[in-house]
Amino acid sequence: MRLGLWLLGDQLNQAAVEALPQRPDVIILIESLAWVQQRRYHAQKLVLVWSAMRHFAANLEAAGDRVVYCEAADFSTALQMVCQTEQLGELWLWQPADYPFRQQVSALALPCPLKILPNPLFIWSDTAISTWFAGRKRWLLEDFYREGRRRWQVLLDEGKPVGDRWNYDSENRRPPKTGLQPPPPLDTVPDAITKAVLAKVKTLSTFGEAEPFRWAVSRSRALELLQHFCTVNLPDFGPYQDAMLTDQPWLWHALLSPYINLGLLHPLEVIQAAEAAYREGHAPIASVEGFIRQVLGWREYMRAIYELVIPNDYARANFFNHQQPLPAFFLGR
């Protein structure tokens, strides 16, 4: 039986592909026009996702994998075609992170069975989330974060938090000073693949400016940016992590979220790189703990809450009974 693996634009992780219990005969990536026309996307987001997908496909092929890359009207048509031409007996897909997309996937009519696998690109599994939250009277970020530190042995010395403190927030709330000079972010020059995507995106109905486009679109470059952050930005990240200045959009922030969200970086390796910077004496504990809290704490916690409450029509829950519509810019209008 021939096996196919369908990868989404936020599942670009080669290590996870290699860890599958069975190597797929073909790996499928699809650029769907219908999906991006359901709502307007920022031009740079489309360029980022599609260029990263194309670079990832090239890396898979270089590693010896058979890849089918489709620029299609919609996912369903492309998948039906690939399943038939590749004579697939089964198609695998990691659980989509986006709940509305899961609903679309469940409605697909394909010529072969579709098997949904657990998403390996978060630290907490769905099962671990459900088990830990079950029966708890309070869903507190701090409790969840400390449990994550314990489970994955992050910033612990002999089972205790480094410095005998779990939280260094009190040291990370400095007001911005006049004349602050944070390091400039490292730009990435668009290559031929990215330039082709830029040309395509400019023909679509989006919002925002596609250029200048400075984001990384490959794992190798994302790793370079992670190392740059740990060396240059992380030492001073903590004190000003909550600061905002109108003329300083980046400050000491990592600018790594896109690469974690795409799968180019796994959140745990980002955490481990930050901890290594502390262990090697390159960054103070307050900055490192503050950064790790964003990834192991807030990112994983908000994803856990999403998984627990989104099936209960969370989008329409309106706990505070607000009546005013969202501003037009919220939907890119």
C-alpha atoms as a PDB file:
ATOM      1  CA  MET A   1       0.000   0.000   0.000  1.00  0.00           C
ATOM      2  CA  ARG A   2       1.421   3.349  -1.041  1.00  0.00           C
ATOM      3  CA  LEU A   3       1.381   5.979   1.679  1.00  0.00           C
ATOM      4  CA  GLY A   4       1.056   9.725   1.243  1.00  0.00           C
ATOM      5  CA  LEU A   5       1.787  12.477   3.759  1.00  0.00           C
ATOM      6  CA  TRP A   6       0.003  15.806   3.345  1.00  0.00           C
ATOM      7  CA  LEU A   7       1.885  18.644   5.020  1.00  0.00           C
ATOM      8  CA  LEU A   8       0.328  22.022   5.745  1.00  0.00           C
ATOM      9  CA  GLY A   9       2.121  25.343   5.635  1.00  0.00           C
ATOM     10  CA  ASP A  10       2.629  25.337   9.404  1.00  0.00           C
ATOM     11  CA  GLN A  11       4.011  21.783   9.516  1.00  0.00           C
ATOM     12  CA  LEU A  12       7.406  22.284   7.885  1.00  0.00           C
ATOM     13  CA  ASN A  13       9.551  20.144  10.154  1.00  0.00           C
ATOM     14  CA  GLN A  14      11.859  17.574   8.610  1.00  0.00           C
ATOM     15  CA  ALA A  15      12.770  15.934  11.923  1.00  0.00           C
ATOM     16  CA  ALA A  16       9.089  15.195  12.541  1.00  0.00           C
ATOM     17  CA  VAL A  17       8.792  13.661   9.076  1.00  0.00           C
ATOM     18  CA  GLU A  18      11.795  11.445   9.764  1.00  0.00           C
ATOM     19  CA  ALA A  19      10.295  10.380  13.104  1.00  0.00           C
ATOM     20  CA  LEU A  20       7.136   8.958  11.499  1.00  0.00           C
ATOM     21  CA  PRO A  21       6.618   5.222  12.095  1.00  0.00           C
ATOM     22  CA  GLN A  22       6.547   4.682   8.328  1.00  0.00           C
ATOM     23  CA  ARG A  23       8.314   6.661   5.630  1.00  0.00           C
ATOM     24  CA  PRO A  24       5.725   8.065   3.192  1.00  0.00           C
ATOM     25  CA  ASP A  25       6.051   7.214  -0.488  1.00  0.00           C
ATOM     26  CA  VAL A  26       5.079  10.739  -1.438  1.00  0.00           C
ATOM     27  CA  ILE A  27       4.854  14.023   0.465  1.00  0.00           C
ATOM     28  CA  ILE A  28       2.233  16.521  -0.678  1.00  0.00           C
ATOM     29  CA  LEU A  29       2.197  20.293  -0.221  1.00  0.00           C
ATOM     30  CA  ILE A  30      -0.553  22.492  -1.655  1.00  0.00           C
ATOM     31  CA  GLU A  31      -0.967  26.212  -2.213  1.00  0.00           C
ATOM     32  CA  SER A  32      -4.755  26.680  -2.253  1.00  0.00           C
ATOM     33  CA  LEU A  33      -6.148  29.863  -3.772  1.00  0.00           C
ATOM     34  CA  ALA A  34      -9.619  29.144  -2.399  1.00  0.00           C
ATOM     35  CA  TRP A  35      -8.320  29.027   1.169  1.00  0.00           C
ATOM     36  CA  VAL A  36      -6.536  32.371   0.999  1.00  0.00           C
ATOM     37  CA  GLN A  37      -9.547  33.979  -0.671  1.00  0.00           C
ATOM     38  CA  GLN A  38     -11.923  33.083   2.171  1.00  0.00           C
ATOM     39  CA  ARG A  39     -10.467  35.995   4.108  1.00  0.00           C
ATOM     40  CA  ARG A  40      -7.864  38.559   3.212  1.00  0.00           C
ATOM     41  CA  TYR A  41      -4.343  37.778   4.311  1.00  0.00           C
ATOM     42  CA  HIS A  42      -1.494  40.177   4.874  1.00  0.00           C
ATOM     43  CA  ALA A  43       0.691  39.984   1.793  1.00  0.00           C
ATOM     44  CA  GLN A  44       3.833  39.230   3.798  1.00  0.00           C
ATOM     45  CA  LYS A  45       2.169  36.334   5.587  1.00  0.00           C
ATOM     46  CA  LEU A  46       1.310  34.688   2.274  1.00  0.00           C
ATOM     47  CA  VAL A  47       4.817  35.244   0.947  1.00  0.00           C
ATOM     48  CA  LEU A  48       6.284  33.838   4.150  1.00  0.00           C
ATOM     49  CA  VAL A  49       4.150  30.684   4.202  1.00  0.00           C
ATOM     50  CA  TRP A  50       4.318  29.851   0.507  1.00  0.00           C
ATOM     51  CA  SER A  51       8.018  30.581   0.151  1.00  0.00           C
ATOM     52  CA  ALA A  52       8.774  28.503   3.252  1.00  0.00           C
ATOM     53  CA  MET A  53       6.687  25.665   1.788  1.00  0.00           C
ATOM     54  CA  ARG A  54       8.588  25.796  -1.498  1.00  0.00           C
ATOM     55  CA  HIS A  55      11.961  25.850   0.234  1.00  0.00           C
ATOM     56  CA  PHE A  56      10.898  22.973   2.464  1.00  0.00           C
ATOM     57  CA  ALA A  57       9.781  20.940  -0.548  1.00  0.00           C
ATOM     58  CA  ALA A  58      13.175  21.503  -2.154  1.00  0.00           C
ATOM     59  CA  ASN A  59      14.921  20.346   1.028  1.00  0.00           C
ATOM     60  CA  LEU A  60      12.795  17.196   1.161  1.00  0.00           C
ATOM     61  CA  GLU A  61      13.637  16.389  -2.449  1.00  0.00           C
ATOM     62  CA  ALA A  62      17.322  16.965  -1.758  1.00  0.00           C
ATOM     63  CA  ALA A  63      17.035  14.443   1.084  1.00  0.00           C
ATOM     64  CA  GLY A  64      15.607  11.848  -1.311  1.00  0.00           C
ATOM     65  CA  ASP A  65      11.876  12.189  -0.673  1.00  0.00           C
ATOM     66  CA  ARG A  66       9.340  12.185  -3.485  1.00  0.00           C
ATOM     67  CA  VAL A  67       7.402  15.448  -3.288  1.00  0.00           C
ATOM     68  CA  VAL A  68       4.306  16.583  -5.166  1.00  0.00           C
ATOM     69  CA  TYR A  69       3.886  20.342  -4.906  1.00  0.00           C
ATOM     70  CA  CYS A  70       0.577  21.749  -6.129  1.00  0.00           C
ATOM     71  CA  GLU A  71      -0.475  25.291  -6.913  1.00  0.00           C
ATOM     72  CA  ALA A  72      -4.182  24.571  -6.977  1.00  0.00           C
ATOM     73  CA  ALA A  73      -7.610  26.158  -6.953  1.00  0.00           C
ATOM     74  CA  ASP A  74      -8.460  24.279  -3.754  1.00  0.00           C
ATOM     75  CA  PHE A  75      -7.207  21.518  -1.489  1.00  0.00           C
ATOM     76  CA  SER A  76      -9.866  18.955  -2.409  1.00  0.00           C
ATOM     77  CA  THR A  77      -9.216  18.974  -6.152  1.00  0.00           C
ATOM     78  CA  ALA A  78      -5.462  18.730  -5.687  1.00  0.00           C
ATOM     79  CA  LEU A  79      -5.698  15.918  -3.147  1.00  0.00           C
ATOM     80  CA  GLN A  80      -8.076  13.874  -5.278  1.00  0.00           C
ATOM     81  CA  MET A  81      -5.732  14.199  -8.238  1.00  0.00           C
ATOM     82  CA  VAL A  82      -2.629  13.238  -6.255  1.00  0.00           C
ATOM     83  CA  CYS A  83      -4.309  10.299  -4.508  1.00  0.00           C
ATOM     84  CA  GLN A  84      -5.333   8.895  -7.883  1.00  0.00           C
ATOM     85  CA  THR A  85      -2.162   9.560  -9.870  1.00  0.00           C
ATOM     86  CA  GLU A  86       0.076   8.324  -7.047  1.00  0.00           C
ATOM     87  CA  GLN A  87      -2.229   5.354  -6.384  1.00  0.00           C
ATOM     88  CA  LEU A  88      -2.257   6.017  -2.663  1.00  0.00           C
ATOM     89  CA  GLY A  89      -3.804   3.504  -0.312  1.00  0.00           C
ATOM     90  CA  GLU A  90      -3.778   5.895   2.639  1.00  0.00           C
ATOM     91  CA  LEU A  91      -3.081   9.561   3.297  1.00  0.00           C
ATOM     92  CA  TRP A  92      -1.683  10.869   6.578  1.00  0.00           C
ATOM     93  CA  LEU A  93      -2.075  14.371   7.968  1.00  0.00           C
ATOM     94  CA  TRP A  94      -0.904  15.821  11.257  1.00  0.00           C
ATOM     95  CA  GLN A  95      -3.766  17.349  13.206  1.00  0.00           C
ATOM     96  CA  PRO A  96      -4.214  20.910  11.900  1.00  0.00           C
ATOM     97  CA  ALA A  97      -3.663  23.552  14.569  1.00  0.00           C
ATOM     98  CA  ASP A  98      -6.525  25.619  13.155  1.00  0.00           C
ATOM     99  CA  TYR A  99      -9.960  24.371  14.236  1.00  0.00           C
ATOM    100  CA  PRO A 100     -11.951  25.759  11.253  1.00  0.00           C
ATOM    101  CA  PHE A 101      -9.499  24.027   8.937  1.00  0.00           C
ATOM    102  CA  ARG A 102     -10.027  20.759  10.801  1.00  0.00           C
ATOM    103  CA  GLN A 103     -13.708  21.052   9.989  1.00  0.00           C
ATOM    104  CA  GLN A 104     -12.915  21.507   6.308  1.00  0.00           C
ATOM    105  CA  VAL A 105     -10.610  18.502   6.398  1.00  0.00           C
ATOM    106  CA  SER A 106     -13.316  16.338   7.965  1.00  0.00           C
ATOM    107  CA  ALA A 107     -15.610  17.205   5.048  1.00  0.00           C
ATOM    108  CA  LEU A 108     -13.126  16.128   2.360  1.00  0.00           C
ATOM    109  CA  ALA A 109     -14.198  13.282   0.082  1.00  0.00           C
ATOM    110  CA  LEU A 110     -11.027  11.517  -1.033  1.00  0.00           C
ATOM    111  CA  PRO A 111     -10.438   8.283  -2.965  1.00  0.00           C
ATOM    112  CA  CYS A 112      -8.348   6.875  -0.100  1.00  0.00           C
ATOM    113  CA  PRO A 113      -8.635   6.897   3.702  1.00  0.00           C
ATOM    114  CA  LEU A 114      -7.339   9.973   5.523  1.00  0.00           C
ATOM    115  CA  LYS A 115      -5.642   9.299   8.868  1.00  0.00           C
ATOM    116  CA  ILE A 116      -5.159  12.190  11.301  1.00  0.00           C
ATOM    117  CA  LEU A 117      -2.006  11.921  13.419  1.00  0.00           C
ATOM    118  CA  PRO A 118      -1.177  13.875  16.600  1.00  0.00           C
ATOM    119  CA  ASN A 119       0.501  17.182  15.850  1.00  0.00           C
ATOM    120  CA  PRO A 120       4.178  16.844  16.881  1.00  0.00           C
ATOM    121  CA  LEU A 121       4.995  20.551  16.666  1.00  0.00           C
ATOM    122  CA  PHE A 122       3.851  21.534  20.139  1.00  0.00           C
ATOM    123  CA  ILE A 123       5.451  20.510  23.407  1.00  0.00           C
ATOM    124  CA  TRP A 124       2.289  19.400  25.197  1.00  0.00           C
ATOM    125  CA  SER A 125       0.304  16.643  23.472  1.00  0.00           C
ATOM    126  CA  ASP A 126      -3.488  16.778  23.323  1.00  0.00           C
ATOM    127  CA  THR A 127      -3.679  13.829  25.715  1.00  0.00           C
ATOM    128  CA  ALA A 128      -1.324  15.473  28.206  1.00  0.00           C
ATOM    129  CA  ILE A 129      -3.357  18.681  28.063  1.00  0.00           C
ATOM    130  CA  SER A 130      -6.655  16.914  28.701  1.00  0.00           C
ATOM    131  CA  THR A 131      -5.219  14.858  31.551  1.00  0.00           C
ATOM    132  CA  TRP A 132      -3.544  17.776  33.325  1.00  0.00           C
ATOM    133  CA  PHE A 133      -6.511  20.149  33.125  1.00  0.00           C
ATOM    134  CA  ALA A 134      -9.126  17.529  34.061  1.00  0.00           C
ATOM    135  CA  GLY A 135     -10.823  18.377  37.353  1.00  0.00           C
ATOM    136  CA  ARG A 136      -8.757  21.495  38.027  1.00  0.00           C
ATOM    137  CA  LYS A 137     -10.628  24.342  39.679  1.00  0.00           C
ATOM    138  CA  ARG A 138      -8.270  26.984  38.304  1.00  0.00           C
ATOM    139  CA  TRP A 139      -6.629  27.141  34.905  1.00  0.00           C
ATOM    140  CA  LEU A 140      -3.691  29.320  35.833  1.00  0.00           C
ATOM    141  CA  LEU A 141      -0.834  30.038  33.467  1.00  0.00           C
ATOM    142  CA  GLU A 142       1.670  29.957  36.330  1.00  0.00           C
ATOM    143  CA  ASP A 143       0.629  26.454  37.394  1.00  0.00           C
ATOM    144  CA  PHE A 144       0.770  25.187  33.815  1.00  0.00           C
ATOM    145  CA  TYR A 145       4.141  26.815  33.189  1.00  0.00           C
ATOM    146  CA  ARG A 146       5.742  25.345  36.303  1.00  0.00           C
ATOM    147  CA  GLU A 147       4.426  21.908  35.411  1.00  0.00           C
ATOM    148  CA  GLY A 148       5.996  22.279  31.970  1.00  0.00           C
ATOM    149  CA  ARG A 149       9.315  23.244  33.534  1.00  0.00           C
ATOM    150  CA  ARG A 150       9.203  20.099  35.663  1.00  0.00           C
ATOM    151  CA  ARG A 151       8.134  17.745  32.878  1.00  0.00           C
ATOM    152  CA  TRP A 152      10.781  18.860  30.416  1.00  0.00           C
ATOM    153  CA  GLN A 153      13.476  19.653  32.996  1.00  0.00           C
ATOM    154  CA  VAL A 154      13.795  23.284  31.973  1.00  0.00           C
ATOM    155  CA  LEU A 155      15.837  25.675  34.147  1.00  0.00           C
ATOM    156  CA  LEU A 156      15.995  23.196  37.009  1.00  0.00           C
ATOM    157  CA  ASP A 157      18.885  22.332  39.307  1.00  0.00           C
ATOM    158  CA  GLU A 158      18.350  19.055  41.150  1.00  0.00           C
ATOM    159  CA  GLY A 159      14.604  19.391  40.716  1.00  0.00           C
ATOM    160  CA  LYS A 160      14.446  22.973  41.954  1.00  0.00           C
ATOM    161  CA  PRO A 161      14.082  26.122  39.847  1.00  0.00           C
ATOM    162  CA  VAL A 162      17.329  27.877  39.026  1.00  0.00           C
ATOM    163  CA  GLY A 163      17.962  30.561  41.629  1.00  0.00           C
ATOM    164  CA  ASP A 164      15.196  29.059  43.811  1.00  0.00           C
ATOM    165  CA  ARG A 165      12.656  31.192  41.928  1.00  0.00           C
ATOM    166  CA  TRP A 166      10.148  30.214  39.266  1.00  0.00           C
ATOM    167  CA  ASN A 167       9.392  33.752  38.192  1.00  0.00           C
ATOM    168  CA  TYR A 168      11.643  36.739  37.486  1.00  0.00           C
ATOM    169  CA  ASP A 169       8.945  39.087  36.203  1.00  0.00           C
ATOM    170  CA  SER A 170       9.760  41.658  38.882  1.00  0.00           C
ATOM    171  CA  GLU A 171      13.151  42.181  37.227  1.00  0.00           C
ATOM    172  CA  ASN A 172      11.708  42.366  33.731  1.00  0.00           C
ATOM    173  CA  ARG A 173       9.533  45.462  33.920  1.00  0.00           C
ATOM    174  CA  ARG A 174      11.896  48.346  33.371  1.00  0.00           C
ATOM    175  CA  PRO A 175      10.430  51.408  31.655  1.00  0.00           C
ATOM    176  CA  PRO A 176      12.164  52.255  28.385  1.00  0.00           C
ATOM    177  CA  LYS A 177      14.847  54.895  28.691  1.00  0.00           C
ATOM    178  CA  THR A 178      15.363  57.805  26.352  1.00  0.00           C
ATOM    179  CA  GLY A 179      17.954  56.988  23.740  1.00  0.00           C
ATOM    180  CA  LEU A 180      17.634  53.209  23.902  1.00  0.00           C
ATOM    181  CA  GLN A 181      19.594  51.627  21.053  1.00  0.00           C
ATOM    182  CA  PRO A 182      18.479  48.025  20.560  1.00  0.00           C
ATOM    183  CA  PRO A 183      20.344  45.899  18.026  1.00  0.00           C
ATOM    184  CA  PRO A 184      18.865  45.991  14.511  1.00  0.00           C
ATOM    185  CA  PRO A 185      17.195  42.778  13.334  1.00  0.00           C
ATOM    186  CA  LEU A 186      19.004  40.579  10.835  1.00  0.00           C
ATOM    187  CA  ASP A 187      17.331  40.779   7.446  1.00  0.00           C
ATOM    188  CA  THR A 188      17.141  37.915   4.956  1.00  0.00           C
ATOM    189  CA  VAL A 189      17.556  38.791   1.278  1.00  0.00           C
ATOM    190  CA  PRO A 190      14.839  37.216  -0.927  1.00  0.00           C
ATOM    191  CA  ASP A 191      16.173  34.528  -3.259  1.00  0.00           C
ATOM    192  CA  ALA A 192      14.719  33.408  -6.596  1.00  0.00           C
ATOM    193  CA  ILE A 193      12.068  31.241  -4.930  1.00  0.00           C
ATOM    194  CA  THR A 194      10.872  34.049  -2.693  1.00  0.00           C
ATOM    195  CA  LYS A 195      10.877  36.501  -5.592  1.00  0.00           C
ATOM    196  CA  ALA A 196       8.605  34.165  -7.562  1.00  0.00           C
ATOM    197  CA  VAL A 197       6.209  33.974  -4.613  1.00  0.00           C
ATOM    198  CA  LEU A 198       6.273  37.756  -4.259  1.00  0.00           C
ATOM    199  CA  ALA A 199       5.221  38.087  -7.892  1.00  0.00           C
ATOM    200  CA  LYS A 200       2.342  35.656  -7.356  1.00  0.00           C
ATOM    201  CA  VAL A 201       1.089  37.278  -4.161  1.00  0.00           C
ATOM    202  CA  LYS A 202       1.051  40.708  -5.783  1.00  0.00           C
ATOM    203  CA  THR A 203      -1.671  39.430  -8.144  1.00  0.00           C
ATOM    204  CA  LEU A 204      -3.969  38.475  -5.250  1.00  0.00           C
ATOM    205  CA  SER A 205      -6.371  40.462  -3.092  1.00  0.00           C
ATOM    206  CA  THR A 206      -4.419  40.983   0.123  1.00  0.00           C
ATOM    207  CA  PHE A 207      -3.726  43.843   2.497  1.00  0.00           C
ATOM    208  CA  GLY A 208      -0.443  45.373   3.577  1.00  0.00           C
ATOM    209  CA  GLU A 209       2.758  45.727   1.584  1.00  0.00           C
ATOM    210  CA  ALA A 210       4.561  42.649   0.297  1.00  0.00           C
ATOM    211  CA  GLU A 211       7.905  44.424   0.239  1.00  0.00           C
ATOM    212  CA  PRO A 212      10.379  44.980   1.679  1.00  0.00           C
ATOM    213  CA  PHE A 213      10.295  41.301   2.637  1.00  0.00           C
ATOM    214  CA  ARG A 214      12.982  40.419   5.178  1.00  0.00           C
ATOM    215  CA  TRP A 215      11.816  37.167   6.773  1.00  0.00           C
ATOM    216  CA  ALA A 216      13.657  33.855   6.753  1.00  0.00           C
ATOM    217  CA  VAL A 217      12.021  31.045   4.789  1.00  0.00           C
ATOM    218  CA  SER A 218      14.280  28.071   5.544  1.00  0.00           C
ATOM    219  CA  ARG A 219      15.262  26.102   8.617  1.00  0.00           C
ATOM    220  CA  SER A 220      18.959  26.817   8.118  1.00  0.00           C
ATOM    221  CA  ARG A 221      18.362  30.560   8.201  1.00  0.00           C
ATOM    222  CA  ALA A 222      15.925  30.251  11.121  1.00  0.00           C
ATOM    223  CA  LEU A 223      18.631  28.453  13.101  1.00  0.00           C
ATOM    224  CA  GLU A 224      21.058  31.279  12.344  1.00  0.00           C
ATOM    225  CA  LEU A 225      18.520  33.801  13.623  1.00  0.00           C
ATOM    226  CA  LEU A 226      17.928  31.739  16.768  1.00  0.00           C
ATOM    227  CA  GLN A 227      21.655  31.736  17.484  1.00  0.00           C
ATOM    228  CA  HIS A 228      21.856  35.467  16.779  1.00  0.00           C
ATOM    229  CA  PHE A 229      19.037  36.129  19.243  1.00  0.00           C
ATOM    230  CA  CYS A 230      20.626  34.034  21.987  1.00  0.00           C
ATOM    231  CA  THR A 231      23.959  35.789  21.497  1.00  0.00           C
ATOM    232  CA  VAL A 232      22.962  39.390  20.794  1.00  0.00           C
ATOM    233  CA  ASN A 233      19.414  40.085  21.991  1.00  0.00           C
ATOM    234  CA  LEU A 234      18.697  37.647  24.800  1.00  0.00           C
ATOM    235  CA  PRO A 235      21.071  39.193  27.387  1.00  0.00           C
ATOM    236  CA  ASP A 236      18.966  42.385  27.406  1.00  0.00           C
ATOM    237  CA  PHE A 237      15.619  40.878  26.431  1.00  0.00           C
ATOM    238  CA  GLY A 238      14.171  40.569  29.925  1.00  0.00           C
ATOM    239  CA  PRO A 239      14.317  44.115  31.315  1.00  0.00           C
ATOM    240  CA  TYR A 240      12.478  45.595  28.328  1.00  0.00           C
ATOM    241  CA  GLN A 241      10.305  42.668  27.231  1.00  0.00           C
ATOM    242  CA  ASP A 242       7.109  44.617  27.996  1.00  0.00           C
ATOM    243  CA  ALA A 243       8.370  48.007  26.792  1.00  0.00           C
ATOM    244  CA  MET A 244       6.839  49.749  23.774  1.00  0.00           C
ATOM    245  CA  LEU A 245       8.301  52.668  21.829  1.00  0.00           C
ATOM    246  CA  THR A 246       6.690  54.208  18.756  1.00  0.00           C
ATOM    247  CA  ASP A 247       9.983  54.518  16.891  1.00  0.00           C
ATOM    248  CA  GLN A 248      11.409  51.141  17.955  1.00  0.00           C
ATOM    249  CA  PRO A 249       9.221  48.298  16.651  1.00  0.00           C
ATOM    250  CA  TRP A 250      11.638  45.455  17.436  1.00  0.00           C
ATOM    251  CA  LEU A 251      13.575  46.362  20.615  1.00  0.00           C
ATOM    252  CA  TRP A 252      15.225  43.144  21.876  1.00  0.00           C
ATOM    253  CA  HIS A 253      12.490  40.773  20.753  1.00  0.00           C
ATOM    254  CA  ALA A 254      13.433  37.468  19.163  1.00  0.00           C
ATOM    255  CA  LEU A 255      11.282  37.732  16.012  1.00  0.00           C
ATOM    256  CA  LEU A 256      11.261  33.920  16.015  1.00  0.00           C
ATOM    257  CA  SER A 257       7.509  33.316  16.308  1.00  0.00           C
ATOM    258  CA  PRO A 258       6.979  32.902  12.535  1.00  0.00           C
ATOM    259  CA  TYR A 259       9.588  30.166  12.382  1.00  0.00           C
ATOM    260  CA  ILE A 260       8.172  28.307  15.375  1.00  0.00           C
ATOM    261  CA  ASN A 261       4.659  28.635  13.970  1.00  0.00           C
ATOM    262  CA  LEU A 262       5.737  27.302  10.564  1.00  0.00           C
ATOM    263  CA  GLY A 263       7.543  24.332  12.105  1.00  0.00           C
ATOM    264  CA  LEU A 264      10.995  25.433  10.944  1.00  0.00           C
ATOM    265  CA  LEU A 265      11.975  25.600  14.611  1.00  0.00           C
ATOM    266  CA  HIS A 266      10.521  23.325  17.268  1.00  0.00           C
ATOM    267  CA  PRO A 267       9.546  25.222  20.439  1.00  0.00           C
ATOM    268  CA  LEU A 268      11.551  22.858  22.632  1.00  0.00           C
ATOM    269  CA  GLU A 269      14.783  23.445  20.706  1.00  0.00           C
ATOM    270  CA  VAL A 270      14.236  27.193  21.035  1.00  0.00           C
ATOM    271  CA  ILE A 271      13.821  26.785  24.796  1.00  0.00           C
ATOM    272  CA  GLN A 272      16.920  24.603  25.008  1.00  0.00           C
ATOM    273  CA  ALA A 273      18.974  27.145  23.053  1.00  0.00           C
ATOM    274  CA  ALA A 274      17.921  29.896  25.452  1.00  0.00           C
ATOM    275  CA  GLU A 275      18.745  27.766  28.494  1.00  0.00           C
ATOM    276  CA  ALA A 276      22.130  26.922  26.996  1.00  0.00           C
ATOM    277  CA  ALA A 277      22.851  30.648  26.726  1.00  0.00           C
ATOM    278  CA  TYR A 278      22.267  30.932  30.483  1.00  0.00           C
ATOM    279  CA  ARG A 279      24.244  27.803  31.379  1.00  0.00           C
ATOM    280  CA  GLU A 280      27.196  29.034  29.299  1.00  0.00           C
ATOM    281  CA  GLY A 281      27.144  32.448  30.946  1.00  0.00           C
ATOM    282  CA  HIS A 282      25.962  34.428  27.916  1.00  0.00           C
ATOM    283  CA  ALA A 283      22.634  35.672  29.316  1.00  0.00           C
ATOM    284  CA  PRO A 284      21.237  36.380  32.811  1.00  0.00           C
ATOM    285  CA  ILE A 285      18.597  34.168  34.353  1.00  0.00           C
ATOM    286  CA  ALA A 286      15.946  36.914  34.405  1.00  0.00           C
ATOM    287  CA  SER A 287      16.110  37.399  30.632  1.00  0.00           C
ATOM    288  CA  VAL A 288      16.265  33.682  29.904  1.00  0.00           C
ATOM    289  CA  GLU A 289      13.403  32.790  32.232  1.00  0.00           C
ATOM    290  CA  GLY A 290      11.315  35.639  30.844  1.00  0.00           C
ATOM    291  CA  PHE A 291      11.840  34.419  27.296  1.00  0.00           C
ATOM    292  CA  ILE A 292      11.228  30.749  28.086  1.00  0.00           C
ATOM    293  CA  ARG A 293       8.009  31.745  29.867  1.00  0.00           C
ATOM    294  CA  GLN A 294       6.734  33.139  26.549  1.00  0.00           C
ATOM    295  CA  VAL A 295       7.281  29.826  24.758  1.00  0.00           C
ATOM    296  CA  LEU A 296       6.796  27.069  27.337  1.00  0.00           C
ATOM    297  CA  GLY A 297       4.323  29.202  29.255  1.00  0.00           C
ATOM    298  CA  TRP A 298       2.141  31.475  27.181  1.00  0.00           C
ATOM    299  CA  ARG A 299       2.407  29.815  23.770  1.00  0.00           C
ATOM    300  CA  GLU A 300       1.710  26.309  25.047  1.00  0.00           C
ATOM    301  CA  TYR A 301      -0.884  27.536  27.548  1.00  0.00           C
ATOM    302  CA  MET A 302      -2.928  29.473  24.992  1.00  0.00           C
ATOM    303  CA  ARG A 303      -2.801  26.529  22.631  1.00  0.00           C
ATOM    304  CA  ALA A 304      -4.038  24.286  25.463  1.00  0.00           C
ATOM    305  CA  ILE A 305      -6.928  26.627  26.221  1.00  0.00           C
ATOM    306  CA  TYR A 306      -7.769  26.728  22.513  1.00  0.00           C
ATOM    307  CA  GLU A 307      -7.896  22.930  22.339  1.00  0.00           C
ATOM    308  CA  LEU A 308     -10.052  22.680  25.448  1.00  0.00           C
ATOM    309  CA  VAL A 309     -12.633  25.350  24.658  1.00  0.00           C
ATOM    310  CA  ILE A 310     -12.757  25.826  20.870  1.00  0.00           C
ATOM    311  CA  PRO A 311     -15.061  22.813  20.268  1.00  0.00           C
ATOM    312  CA  ASN A 312     -17.635  24.590  22.469  1.00  0.00           C
ATOM    313  CA  ASP A 313     -18.193  27.368  19.917  1.00  0.00           C
ATOM    314  CA  TYR A 314     -15.584  29.579  21.542  1.00  0.00           C
ATOM    315  CA  ALA A 315     -15.698  32.051  18.660  1.00  0.00           C
ATOM    316  CA  ARG A 316     -19.266  32.997  19.621  1.00  0.00           C
ATOM    317  CA  ALA A 317     -19.059  32.609  23.394  1.00  0.00           C
ATOM    318  CA  ASN A 318     -18.790  36.379  24.037  1.00  0.00           C
ATOM    319  CA  PHE A 319     -18.227  35.990  27.772  1.00  0.00           C
ATOM    320  CA  PHE A 320     -18.369  39.762  28.383  1.00  0.00           C
ATOM    321  CA  ASN A 321     -21.447  40.235  26.175  1.00  0.00           C
ATOM    322  CA  HIS A 322     -19.781  42.905  24.042  1.00  0.00           C
ATOM    323  CA  GLN A 323     -22.091  44.423  21.419  1.00  0.00           C
ATOM    324  CA  GLN A 324     -19.858  46.666  19.304  1.00  0.00           C
ATOM    325  CA  PRO A 325     -18.423  45.172  16.089  1.00  0.00           C
ATOM    326  CA  LEU A 326     -14.712  44.661  15.676  1.00  0.00           C
ATOM    327  CA  PRO A 327     -12.930  47.498  13.863  1.00  0.00           C
ATOM    328  CA  ALA A 328     -12.497  47.031  10.128  1.00  0.00           C
ATOM    329  CA  PHE A 329      -8.716  46.729  10.384  1.00  0.00           C
ATOM    330  CA  PHE A 330      -9.108  43.565  12.482  1.00  0.00           C
ATOM    331  CA  LEU A 331     -10.184  41.697   9.349  1.00  0.00           C
ATOM    332  CA  GLY A 332      -7.819  43.539   7.052  1.00  0.00           C
ATOM    333  CA  ARG A 333     -10.425  45.818   5.521  1.00  0.00           C
END
